[in-house]
Amino acid sequence: MRKTGVTTETVKHLVLDSGVIFLDYGKQTQKVLGACRGGNEFNVEREWRDMPFDGVGGLVKGARRLISVTASMTVNLVELSKELLVLATPGAKFEAATGTEAGLAVNSETYYKIKSIMEDTIPDLKFSDFSIVAEYSHHKSPIVCTIKNAMANSNLQLSFNDADESVLSITFTGAFDPAEMAVEPWVILIPEKLETV
């Protein structure tokens, strides 16, 4: 008999397709980030310390400490706008372009200028929640994976290739809220019919 983990319940617990990326999902400021290509990733990385003891040749049950948690989400946007470029570059702003830039005469009807000026040692940056909302098989409600209090923590990189479209890859990293330092900056909502008692 063939060995497999498939049961009659398996098809009821599958995440389907790439989902949609939302900014501030479920809030009044909720907004779809844009069209994606190449899939998106949700990651919670934990660093543990296994405490060593003399005379012990391996791990000791209960002697493991959590050192740090990094929650992040990498999205691959094929859609590009001034708002997304600013989101990908914390501290950057856009404004109407005037005068001459890169040897090109510009005005506010033809270009926006995106730039960043290092004014403060610790700048006032905007933090938001980012969610992947995807279909969960045999459920009306989606699965929602959220990185909280996040901002872009990756380099701004655009590639330009013949017969292809540019993809903007952004990694958003969550930050602990000083008001709730024990709460890790991520949450997953998984739909399941609650048992009635």
C-alpha atoms as a PDB file:
ATOM      1  CA  MET A   1       0.000   0.000   0.000  1.00  0.00           C
ATOM      2  CA  ARG A   2       1.314   3.429  -0.968  1.00  0.00           C
ATOM      3  CA  LYS A   3       2.270   5.683   1.960  1.00  0.00           C
ATOM      4  CA  THR A   4       0.856   9.228   1.859  1.00  0.00           C
ATOM      5  CA  GLY A   5      -0.246  12.000   4.184  1.00  0.00           C
ATOM      6  CA  VAL A   6      -3.351  12.703   2.082  1.00  0.00           C
ATOM      7  CA  THR A   7      -6.646  12.266   3.919  1.00  0.00           C
ATOM      8  CA  THR A   8     -10.253  13.169   3.169  1.00  0.00           C
ATOM      9  CA  GLU A   9      -9.584  16.503   4.930  1.00  0.00           C
ATOM     10  CA  THR A  10      -6.508  17.466   2.869  1.00  0.00           C
ATOM     11  CA  VAL A  11      -8.351  19.359   0.109  1.00  0.00           C
ATOM     12  CA  LYS A  12     -10.100  21.453   2.779  1.00  0.00           C
ATOM     13  CA  HIS A  13      -6.804  22.920   4.001  1.00  0.00           C
ATOM     14  CA  LEU A  14      -4.972  24.244   0.941  1.00  0.00           C
ATOM     15  CA  VAL A  15      -3.842  27.801   0.229  1.00  0.00           C
ATOM     16  CA  LEU A  16      -4.637  28.508  -3.413  1.00  0.00           C
ATOM     17  CA  ASP A  17      -2.799  30.812  -5.810  1.00  0.00           C
ATOM     18  CA  SER A  18      -0.745  33.912  -5.039  1.00  0.00           C
ATOM     19  CA  GLY A  19      -3.384  36.030  -3.289  1.00  0.00           C
ATOM     20  CA  VAL A  20      -3.597  39.820  -3.131  1.00  0.00           C
ATOM     21  CA  ILE A  21      -1.274  42.188  -1.242  1.00  0.00           C
ATOM     22  CA  PHE A  22      -3.054  44.766   0.910  1.00  0.00           C
ATOM     23  CA  LEU A  23      -1.865  47.818   2.792  1.00  0.00           C
ATOM     24  CA  ASP A  24      -3.729  48.129   6.132  1.00  0.00           C
ATOM     25  CA  TYR A  25      -6.141  45.256   5.440  1.00  0.00           C
ATOM     26  CA  GLY A  26      -9.428  45.621   7.324  1.00  0.00           C
ATOM     27  CA  LYS A  27      -8.863  49.280   8.201  1.00  0.00           C
ATOM     28  CA  GLN A  28     -10.382  52.446   6.697  1.00  0.00           C
ATOM     29  CA  THR A  29      -7.048  53.059   4.924  1.00  0.00           C
ATOM     30  CA  GLN A  30      -7.154  49.599   3.278  1.00  0.00           C
ATOM     31  CA  LYS A  31      -5.705  49.558  -0.227  1.00  0.00           C
ATOM     32  CA  VAL A  32      -4.599  46.938  -2.765  1.00  0.00           C
ATOM     33  CA  LEU A  33      -0.855  47.395  -3.274  1.00  0.00           C
ATOM     34  CA  GLY A  34      -0.857  46.393  -6.950  1.00  0.00           C
ATOM     35  CA  ALA A  35      -0.481  43.583  -9.463  1.00  0.00           C
ATOM     36  CA  CYS A  36       2.248  41.040  -8.703  1.00  0.00           C
ATOM     37  CA  ARG A  37       4.298  38.512 -10.637  1.00  0.00           C
ATOM     38  CA  GLY A  38       6.473  35.678  -9.380  1.00  0.00           C
ATOM     39  CA  GLY A  39       4.617  35.074  -6.125  1.00  0.00           C
ATOM     40  CA  ASN A  40       5.041  36.639  -2.688  1.00  0.00           C
ATOM     41  CA  GLU A  41       6.528  35.362   0.573  1.00  0.00           C
ATOM     42  CA  PHE A  42       5.627  35.650   4.260  1.00  0.00           C
ATOM     43  CA  ASN A  43       8.465  34.849   6.699  1.00  0.00           C
ATOM     44  CA  VAL A  44       8.859  34.673  10.467  1.00  0.00           C
ATOM     45  CA  GLU A  45      12.488  34.005  11.360  1.00  0.00           C
ATOM     46  CA  ARG A  46      13.466  33.130  14.911  1.00  0.00           C
ATOM     47  CA  GLU A  47      16.923  33.064  16.403  1.00  0.00           C
ATOM     48  CA  TRP A  48      17.316  30.609  19.267  1.00  0.00           C
ATOM     49  CA  ARG A  49      20.165  30.048  21.692  1.00  0.00           C
ATOM     50  CA  ASP A  50      20.739  26.524  22.945  1.00  0.00           C
ATOM     51  CA  MET A  51      22.387  26.933  26.328  1.00  0.00           C
ATOM     52  CA  PRO A  52      25.443  24.674  26.661  1.00  0.00           C
ATOM     53  CA  PHE A  53      26.327  22.833  29.847  1.00  0.00           C
ATOM     54  CA  ASP A  54      29.516  21.041  30.854  1.00  0.00           C
ATOM     55  CA  GLY A  55      29.284  17.284  30.679  1.00  0.00           C
ATOM     56  CA  VAL A  56      26.279  17.337  28.312  1.00  0.00           C
ATOM     57  CA  GLY A  57      26.803  16.177  24.743  1.00  0.00           C
ATOM     58  CA  GLY A  58      23.817  17.823  23.112  1.00  0.00           C
ATOM     59  CA  LEU A  59      20.622  19.818  23.496  1.00  0.00           C
ATOM     60  CA  VAL A  60      18.942  19.949  26.885  1.00  0.00           C
ATOM     61  CA  LYS A  61      15.159  19.971  26.999  1.00  0.00           C
ATOM     62  CA  GLY A  62      13.922  23.355  28.253  1.00  0.00           C
ATOM     63  CA  ALA A  63      17.337  25.014  27.853  1.00  0.00           C
ATOM     64  CA  ARG A  64      16.528  27.020  24.758  1.00  0.00           C
ATOM     65  CA  ARG A  65      16.106  30.799  24.719  1.00  0.00           C
ATOM     66  CA  LEU A  66      14.406  32.919  22.076  1.00  0.00           C
ATOM     67  CA  ILE A  67      16.850  35.698  21.148  1.00  0.00           C
ATOM     68  CA  SER A  68      15.084  37.557  18.345  1.00  0.00           C
ATOM     69  CA  VAL A  69      12.170  37.449  15.913  1.00  0.00           C
ATOM     70  CA  THR A  70      12.139  39.006  12.449  1.00  0.00           C
ATOM     71  CA  ALA A  71       8.830  39.049  10.573  1.00  0.00           C
ATOM     72  CA  SER A  72       8.947  40.020   6.912  1.00  0.00           C
ATOM     73  CA  MET A  73       7.066  39.851   3.642  1.00  0.00           C
ATOM     74  CA  THR A  74       8.580  40.007   0.180  1.00  0.00           C
ATOM     75  CA  VAL A  75       6.276  41.179  -2.611  1.00  0.00           C
ATOM     76  CA  ASN A  76       7.040  41.265  -6.325  1.00  0.00           C
ATOM     77  CA  LEU A  77       5.087  44.091  -7.916  1.00  0.00           C
ATOM     78  CA  VAL A  78       4.821  44.296 -11.688  1.00  0.00           C
ATOM     79  CA  GLU A  79       2.781  47.473 -11.252  1.00  0.00           C
ATOM     80  CA  LEU A  80       4.814  50.644 -10.758  1.00  0.00           C
ATOM     81  CA  SER A  81       3.615  54.043  -9.524  1.00  0.00           C
ATOM     82  CA  LYS A  82       5.018  57.031  -7.666  1.00  0.00           C
ATOM     83  CA  GLU A  83       3.245  55.844  -4.497  1.00  0.00           C
ATOM     84  CA  LEU A  84       4.849  52.390  -4.696  1.00  0.00           C
ATOM     85  CA  LEU A  85       8.309  53.845  -5.323  1.00  0.00           C
ATOM     86  CA  VAL A  86       7.944  56.034  -2.223  1.00  0.00           C
ATOM     87  CA  LEU A  87       6.704  53.023  -0.223  1.00  0.00           C
ATOM     88  CA  ALA A  88       9.776  51.075  -1.383  1.00  0.00           C
ATOM     89  CA  THR A  89      12.094  53.866  -0.208  1.00  0.00           C
ATOM     90  CA  PRO A  90      11.284  54.906   3.400  1.00  0.00           C
ATOM     91  CA  GLY A  91      11.759  58.627   3.885  1.00  0.00           C
ATOM     92  CA  ALA A  92      11.387  59.422   0.176  1.00  0.00           C
ATOM     93  CA  LYS A  93       8.734  61.813  -1.115  1.00  0.00           C
ATOM     94  CA  PHE A  94       7.331  62.746  -4.488  1.00  0.00           C
ATOM     95  CA  GLU A  95       6.646  66.225  -5.780  1.00  0.00           C
ATOM     96  CA  ALA A  96       5.830  67.901  -9.064  1.00  0.00           C
ATOM     97  CA  ALA A  97       8.997  68.151 -11.153  1.00  0.00           C
ATOM     98  CA  THR A  98       9.973  71.498 -12.662  1.00  0.00           C
ATOM     99  CA  GLY A  99      13.012  72.862 -14.452  1.00  0.00           C
ATOM    100  CA  THR A 100      15.621  70.515 -15.864  1.00  0.00           C
ATOM    101  CA  GLU A 101      16.335  67.002 -14.548  1.00  0.00           C
ATOM    102  CA  ALA A 102      18.769  64.570 -16.199  1.00  0.00           C
ATOM    103  CA  GLY A 103      19.032  66.907 -19.188  1.00  0.00           C
ATOM    104  CA  LEU A 104      15.258  66.869 -19.713  1.00  0.00           C
ATOM    105  CA  ALA A 105      12.971  69.901 -19.463  1.00  0.00           C
ATOM    106  CA  VAL A 106      10.160  68.850 -17.146  1.00  0.00           C
ATOM    107  CA  ASN A 107       7.010  70.314 -15.666  1.00  0.00           C
ATOM    108  CA  SER A 108       4.275  69.091 -13.333  1.00  0.00           C
ATOM    109  CA  GLU A 109       2.177  67.855 -16.265  1.00  0.00           C
ATOM    110  CA  THR A 110       4.865  65.471 -17.474  1.00  0.00           C
ATOM    111  CA  TYR A 111       6.796  64.168 -14.444  1.00  0.00           C
ATOM    112  CA  TYR A 112       6.846  63.682 -10.709  1.00  0.00           C
ATOM    113  CA  LYS A 113      10.188  63.758  -8.945  1.00  0.00           C
ATOM    114  CA  ILE A 114      10.869  61.155  -6.257  1.00  0.00           C
ATOM    115  CA  LYS A 115      13.702  62.010  -3.898  1.00  0.00           C
ATOM    116  CA  SER A 116      14.965  61.569  -0.376  1.00  0.00           C
ATOM    117  CA  ILE A 117      16.853  64.091   1.716  1.00  0.00           C
ATOM    118  CA  MET A 118      18.737  62.962   4.833  1.00  0.00           C
ATOM    119  CA  GLU A 119      17.695  65.687   7.270  1.00  0.00           C
ATOM    120  CA  ASP A 120      17.430  63.865  10.595  1.00  0.00           C
ATOM    121  CA  THR A 121      19.646  61.241  12.192  1.00  0.00           C
ATOM    122  CA  ILE A 122      16.513  59.343  13.236  1.00  0.00           C
ATOM    123  CA  PRO A 123      13.907  60.253  10.607  1.00  0.00           C
ATOM    124  CA  ASP A 124      10.170  60.118  11.248  1.00  0.00           C
ATOM    125  CA  LEU A 125       9.236  57.114   9.109  1.00  0.00           C
ATOM    126  CA  LYS A 126       5.781  55.759   8.301  1.00  0.00           C
ATOM    127  CA  PHE A 127       4.930  52.238   9.484  1.00  0.00           C
ATOM    128  CA  SER A 128       1.989  50.266   8.083  1.00  0.00           C
ATOM    129  CA  ASP A 129       0.512  46.775   8.123  1.00  0.00           C
ATOM    130  CA  PHE A 130       0.932  44.613   5.002  1.00  0.00           C
ATOM    131  CA  SER A 131      -1.132  41.480   4.338  1.00  0.00           C
ATOM    132  CA  ILE A 132      -1.219  38.628   1.864  1.00  0.00           C
ATOM    133  CA  VAL A 133      -4.884  37.678   1.486  1.00  0.00           C
ATOM    134  CA  ALA A 134      -5.336  34.350  -0.316  1.00  0.00           C
ATOM    135  CA  GLU A 135      -8.030  31.810  -1.021  1.00  0.00           C
ATOM    136  CA  TYR A 136      -8.279  28.932   1.467  1.00  0.00           C
ATOM    137  CA  SER A 137      -9.865  25.841  -0.082  1.00  0.00           C
ATOM    138  CA  HIS A 138     -13.452  24.979   0.866  1.00  0.00           C
ATOM    139  CA  HIS A 139     -13.832  28.153   2.944  1.00  0.00           C
ATOM    140  CA  LYS A 140     -15.664  31.368   2.123  1.00  0.00           C
ATOM    141  CA  SER A 141     -13.184  33.427   4.126  1.00  0.00           C
ATOM    142  CA  PRO A 142      -9.561  33.913   3.017  1.00  0.00           C
ATOM    143  CA  ILE A 143      -6.366  33.172   4.902  1.00  0.00           C
ATOM    144  CA  VAL A 144      -4.717  36.449   5.952  1.00  0.00           C
ATOM    145  CA  CYS A 145      -0.985  36.691   6.730  1.00  0.00           C
ATOM    146  CA  THR A 146      -0.042  40.107   8.134  1.00  0.00           C
ATOM    147  CA  ILE A 147       3.229  41.847   8.956  1.00  0.00           C
ATOM    148  CA  LYS A 148       2.516  44.598  11.496  1.00  0.00           C
ATOM    149  CA  ASN A 149       4.173  48.005  11.934  1.00  0.00           C
ATOM    150  CA  ALA A 150       6.256  47.391   8.825  1.00  0.00           C
ATOM    151  CA  MET A 151       8.249  49.393   6.346  1.00  0.00           C
ATOM    152  CA  ALA A 152      10.454  48.547   3.367  1.00  0.00           C
ATOM    153  CA  ASN A 153      13.767  47.091   4.454  1.00  0.00           C
ATOM    154  CA  SER A 154      15.291  46.272   1.086  1.00  0.00           C
ATOM    155  CA  ASN A 155      17.187  48.094  -1.626  1.00  0.00           C
ATOM    156  CA  LEU A 156      15.299  49.871  -4.387  1.00  0.00           C
ATOM    157  CA  GLN A 157      16.160  47.901  -7.503  1.00  0.00           C
ATOM    158  CA  LEU A 158      14.493  48.010 -10.918  1.00  0.00           C
ATOM    159  CA  SER A 159      15.502  45.784 -13.813  1.00  0.00           C
ATOM    160  CA  PHE A 160      14.901  46.685 -17.443  1.00  0.00           C
ATOM    161  CA  ASN A 161      14.959  43.869 -20.027  1.00  0.00           C
ATOM    162  CA  ASP A 162      13.834  43.461 -23.630  1.00  0.00           C
ATOM    163  CA  ALA A 163      10.505  41.701 -24.146  1.00  0.00           C
ATOM    164  CA  ASP A 164       9.761  41.806 -20.413  1.00  0.00           C
ATOM    165  CA  GLU A 165       8.229  44.038 -17.741  1.00  0.00           C
ATOM    166  CA  SER A 166      10.075  45.443 -14.753  1.00  0.00           C
ATOM    167  CA  VAL A 167       9.308  43.855 -11.376  1.00  0.00           C
ATOM    168  CA  LEU A 168       9.728  45.870  -8.176  1.00  0.00           C
ATOM    169  CA  SER A 169      10.650  43.515  -5.332  1.00  0.00           C
ATOM    170  CA  ILE A 170      10.084  44.973  -1.847  1.00  0.00           C
ATOM    171  CA  THR A 171      10.754  43.303   1.500  1.00  0.00           C
ATOM    172  CA  PHE A 172       8.646  44.758   4.306  1.00  0.00           C
ATOM    173  CA  THR A 173       9.930  44.048   7.829  1.00  0.00           C
ATOM    174  CA  GLY A 174       7.737  44.320  10.912  1.00  0.00           C
ATOM    175  CA  ALA A 175       8.714  46.307  14.000  1.00  0.00           C
ATOM    176  CA  PHE A 176       7.800  45.737  17.640  1.00  0.00           C
ATOM    177  CA  ASP A 177       5.398  48.331  19.054  1.00  0.00           C
ATOM    178  CA  PRO A 178       6.979  50.031  22.111  1.00  0.00           C
ATOM    179  CA  ALA A 179       3.541  49.938  23.783  1.00  0.00           C
ATOM    180  CA  GLU A 180       3.353  46.115  23.405  1.00  0.00           C
ATOM    181  CA  MET A 181       6.932  44.847  23.379  1.00  0.00           C
ATOM    182  CA  ALA A 182       5.934  41.243  24.122  1.00  0.00           C
ATOM    183  CA  VAL A 183       3.760  40.997  20.990  1.00  0.00           C
ATOM    184  CA  GLU A 184       5.599  39.837  17.878  1.00  0.00           C
ATOM    185  CA  PRO A 185       4.866  41.980  14.777  1.00  0.00           C
ATOM    186  CA  TRP A 186       2.922  39.392  12.780  1.00  0.00           C
ATOM    187  CA  VAL A 187      -0.393  37.566  12.787  1.00  0.00           C
ATOM    188  CA  ILE A 188      -2.040  34.853  10.693  1.00  0.00           C
ATOM    189  CA  LEU A 189      -5.824  34.515  10.454  1.00  0.00           C
ATOM    190  CA  ILE A 190      -6.820  31.041   9.253  1.00  0.00           C
ATOM    191  CA  PRO A 191     -10.520  30.350   8.642  1.00  0.00           C
ATOM    192  CA  GLU A 192     -12.080  27.392  10.369  1.00  0.00           C
ATOM    193  CA  LYS A 193     -15.654  26.736  11.435  1.00  0.00           C
ATOM    194  CA  LEU A 194     -15.654  26.987  15.221  1.00  0.00           C
ATOM    195  CA  GLU A 195     -17.104  24.041  17.109  1.00  0.00           C
ATOM    196  CA  THR A 196     -20.256  24.865  19.025  1.00  0.00           C
ATOM    197  CA  VAL A 197     -20.416  23.766  22.626  1.00  0.00           C
END
